Amino acid sequence: MSRRAARFTQADLARVFAAAKRTGMAVRIDLVNGVAEVIPYERLSIPCEEPKPKRIPIL
């Protein structure tokens, strides 16, 4: 299987995520069609919560 050029660069996605965070919105990314959609949290199909920190035991 050959590799295709990425439609988004890491810098592109970082700018989208930063803008969404500043406005209090969420980002939905469709990699197949090359679309990054900024939407309100209320319209997310899967409700998301703040990630809880994990405790990692150190031996």
N, C-alpha and C. Protein backbone atom coordinates (compact mmCIF):
# COMPACT_ATOMS: atom_id res chain seq x y z
N MET A 1 0.85 -1.17 0.00
CA MET A 1 0.00 0.00 0.00
C MET A 1 0.91 1.24 0.00
N SER A 2 0.67 2.13 -0.89
CA SER A 2 1.49 3.33 -0.97
C SER A 2 0.99 4.39 0.01
N ARG A 3 1.91 5.23 0.44
CA ARG A 3 1.54 6.31 1.36
C ARG A 3 1.16 7.54 0.56
N ARG A 4 0.14 8.22 1.03
CA ARG A 4 -0.29 9.47 0.39
C ARG A 4 0.12 10.63 1.27
N ALA A 5 0.26 11.77 0.67
CA ALA A 5 0.60 12.97 1.43
C ALA A 5 -0.55 13.31 2.38
N ALA A 6 -0.20 13.74 3.56
CA ALA A 6 -1.21 14.10 4.55
C ALA A 6 -1.95 15.36 4.11
N ARG A 7 -3.23 15.39 4.39
CA ARG A 7 -4.03 16.57 4.04
C ARG A 7 -3.87 17.66 5.09
N PHE A 8 -3.58 17.26 6.31
CA PHE A 8 -3.34 18.21 7.39
C PHE A 8 -1.90 18.03 7.86
N THR A 9 -1.25 19.14 8.15
CA THR A 9 0.03 19.04 8.83
C THR A 9 -0.23 19.14 10.32
N GLN A 10 0.76 18.79 11.10
CA GLN A 10 0.61 18.88 12.54
C GLN A 10 0.39 20.34 12.96
N ALA A 11 1.04 21.26 12.27
CA ALA A 11 0.87 22.68 12.58
C ALA A 11 -0.56 23.15 12.27
N ASP A 12 -1.14 22.65 11.18
CA ASP A 12 -2.52 23.01 10.84
C ASP A 12 -3.47 22.58 11.95
N LEU A 13 -3.33 21.34 12.39
CA LEU A 13 -4.22 20.83 13.44
C LEU A 13 -3.99 21.54 14.76
N ALA A 14 -2.75 21.89 15.05
CA ALA A 14 -2.46 22.62 16.29
C ALA A 14 -3.16 23.98 16.28
N ARG A 15 -3.17 24.66 15.14
CA ARG A 15 -3.86 25.96 15.04
C ARG A 15 -5.36 25.79 15.22
N VAL A 16 -5.93 24.75 14.64
CA VAL A 16 -7.38 24.51 14.76
C VAL A 16 -7.75 24.21 16.21
N PHE A 17 -6.98 23.33 16.86
CA PHE A 17 -7.27 22.99 18.25
C PHE A 17 -7.09 24.19 19.17
N ALA A 18 -6.08 25.01 18.93
CA ALA A 18 -5.86 26.19 19.77
C ALA A 18 -7.00 27.19 19.62
N ALA A 19 -7.46 27.40 18.39
CA ALA A 19 -8.58 28.32 18.16
C ALA A 19 -9.85 27.80 18.81
N ALA A 20 -10.10 26.49 18.70
CA ALA A 20 -11.29 25.91 19.31
C ALA A 20 -11.24 26.03 20.83
N LYS A 21 -10.07 25.82 21.40
CA LYS A 21 -9.93 25.93 22.85
C LYS A 21 -10.18 27.35 23.32
N ARG A 22 -9.68 28.34 22.59
CA ARG A 22 -9.89 29.75 22.96
C ARG A 22 -11.36 30.12 22.93
N THR A 23 -12.12 29.54 22.02
CA THR A 23 -13.54 29.88 21.89
C THR A 23 -14.45 28.95 22.66
N GLY A 24 -13.89 27.93 23.33
CA GLY A 24 -14.71 27.00 24.10
C GLY A 24 -15.50 26.04 23.23
N MET A 25 -14.92 25.64 22.11
CA MET A 25 -15.60 24.75 21.18
C MET A 25 -14.84 23.42 21.11
N ALA A 26 -15.40 22.47 20.38
CA ALA A 26 -14.78 21.16 20.16
C ALA A 26 -14.42 21.02 18.69
N VAL A 27 -13.54 20.09 18.40
CA VAL A 27 -13.12 19.85 17.01
C VAL A 27 -13.44 18.41 16.65
N ARG A 28 -14.07 18.23 15.51
CA ARG A 28 -14.35 16.90 14.97
C ARG A 28 -13.55 16.78 13.67
N ILE A 29 -12.71 15.76 13.56
CA ILE A 29 -11.84 15.62 12.40
C ILE A 29 -12.26 14.40 11.60
N ASP A 30 -12.46 14.61 10.31
CA ASP A 30 -12.76 13.54 9.36
C ASP A 30 -11.53 13.39 8.47
N LEU A 31 -10.69 12.40 8.77
CA LEU A 31 -9.44 12.23 8.03
C LEU A 31 -9.67 11.71 6.61
N VAL A 32 -10.74 10.98 6.39
CA VAL A 32 -11.01 10.44 5.06
C VAL A 32 -11.30 11.56 4.07
N ASN A 33 -12.15 12.50 4.48
CA ASN A 33 -12.54 13.59 3.59
C ASN A 33 -11.67 14.83 3.76
N GLY A 34 -10.78 14.84 4.74
CA GLY A 34 -9.90 15.98 4.95
C GLY A 34 -10.60 17.21 5.49
N VAL A 35 -11.50 17.00 6.46
CA VAL A 35 -12.28 18.10 7.01
C VAL A 35 -12.08 18.16 8.53
N ALA A 36 -11.82 19.36 9.04
CA ALA A 36 -11.79 19.60 10.48
C ALA A 36 -12.92 20.57 10.78
N GLU A 37 -13.87 20.12 11.57
CA GLU A 37 -15.07 20.91 11.85
C GLU A 37 -15.05 21.38 13.30
N VAL A 38 -15.20 22.66 13.52
CA VAL A 38 -15.26 23.24 14.87
C VAL A 38 -16.73 23.38 15.24
N ILE A 39 -17.13 22.72 16.33
CA ILE A 39 -18.54 22.68 16.72
C ILE A 39 -18.68 22.96 18.22
N PRO A 40 -19.87 23.36 18.67
CA PRO A 40 -20.10 23.52 20.11
C PRO A 40 -20.09 22.16 20.81
N TYR A 41 -19.70 22.13 22.08
CA TYR A 41 -19.66 20.88 22.83
C TYR A 41 -21.03 20.21 22.88
N GLU A 42 -22.10 20.98 22.86
CA GLU A 42 -23.45 20.42 22.96
C GLU A 42 -23.79 19.54 21.76
N ARG A 43 -23.17 19.77 20.62
CA ARG A 43 -23.48 19.01 19.41
C ARG A 43 -22.62 17.77 19.23
N LEU A 44 -21.71 17.50 20.17
CA LEU A 44 -20.89 16.30 20.05
C LEU A 44 -21.75 15.07 20.21
N SER A 45 -21.50 14.06 19.41
CA SER A 45 -22.29 12.83 19.51
C SER A 45 -21.89 12.03 20.74
N ILE A 46 -20.64 12.17 21.17
CA ILE A 46 -20.17 11.47 22.37
C ILE A 46 -19.78 12.52 23.40
N PRO A 47 -20.48 12.56 24.53
CA PRO A 47 -20.11 13.56 25.53
C PRO A 47 -18.71 13.28 26.08
N CYS A 48 -17.93 14.32 26.21
CA CYS A 48 -16.58 14.13 26.72
C CYS A 48 -16.42 14.87 28.04
N GLU A 49 -15.59 14.32 28.88
CA GLU A 49 -15.32 14.91 30.19
C GLU A 49 -13.83 15.18 30.29
N GLU A 50 -13.48 15.95 31.31
CA GLU A 50 -12.07 16.20 31.58
C GLU A 50 -11.39 14.87 31.89
N PRO A 51 -10.23 14.62 31.32
CA PRO A 51 -9.52 13.38 31.66
C PRO A 51 -9.03 13.44 33.11
N LYS A 52 -9.18 12.34 33.80
CA LYS A 52 -8.75 12.28 35.19
C LYS A 52 -7.29 11.81 35.22
N PRO A 53 -6.49 12.41 36.08
CA PRO A 53 -5.08 11.98 36.14
C PRO A 53 -4.98 10.55 36.66
N LYS A 54 -4.04 9.81 36.11
CA LYS A 54 -3.82 8.43 36.54
C LYS A 54 -2.64 8.38 37.48
N ARG A 55 -2.76 7.54 38.49
CA ARG A 55 -1.65 7.33 39.40
C ARG A 55 -0.85 6.14 38.91
N ILE A 56 0.43 6.35 38.76
CA ILE A 56 1.32 5.28 38.29
C ILE A 56 2.25 4.92 39.44
N PRO A 57 2.15 3.69 39.93
CA PRO A 57 3.04 3.30 41.03
C PRO A 57 4.48 3.17 40.55
N ILE A 58 5.39 3.70 41.35
CA ILE A 58 6.81 3.60 41.03
C ILE A 58 7.44 2.65 42.03
N LEU A 59 8.05 1.61 41.52
CA LEU A 59 8.65 0.60 42.40
C LEU A 59 10.09 0.90 42.70
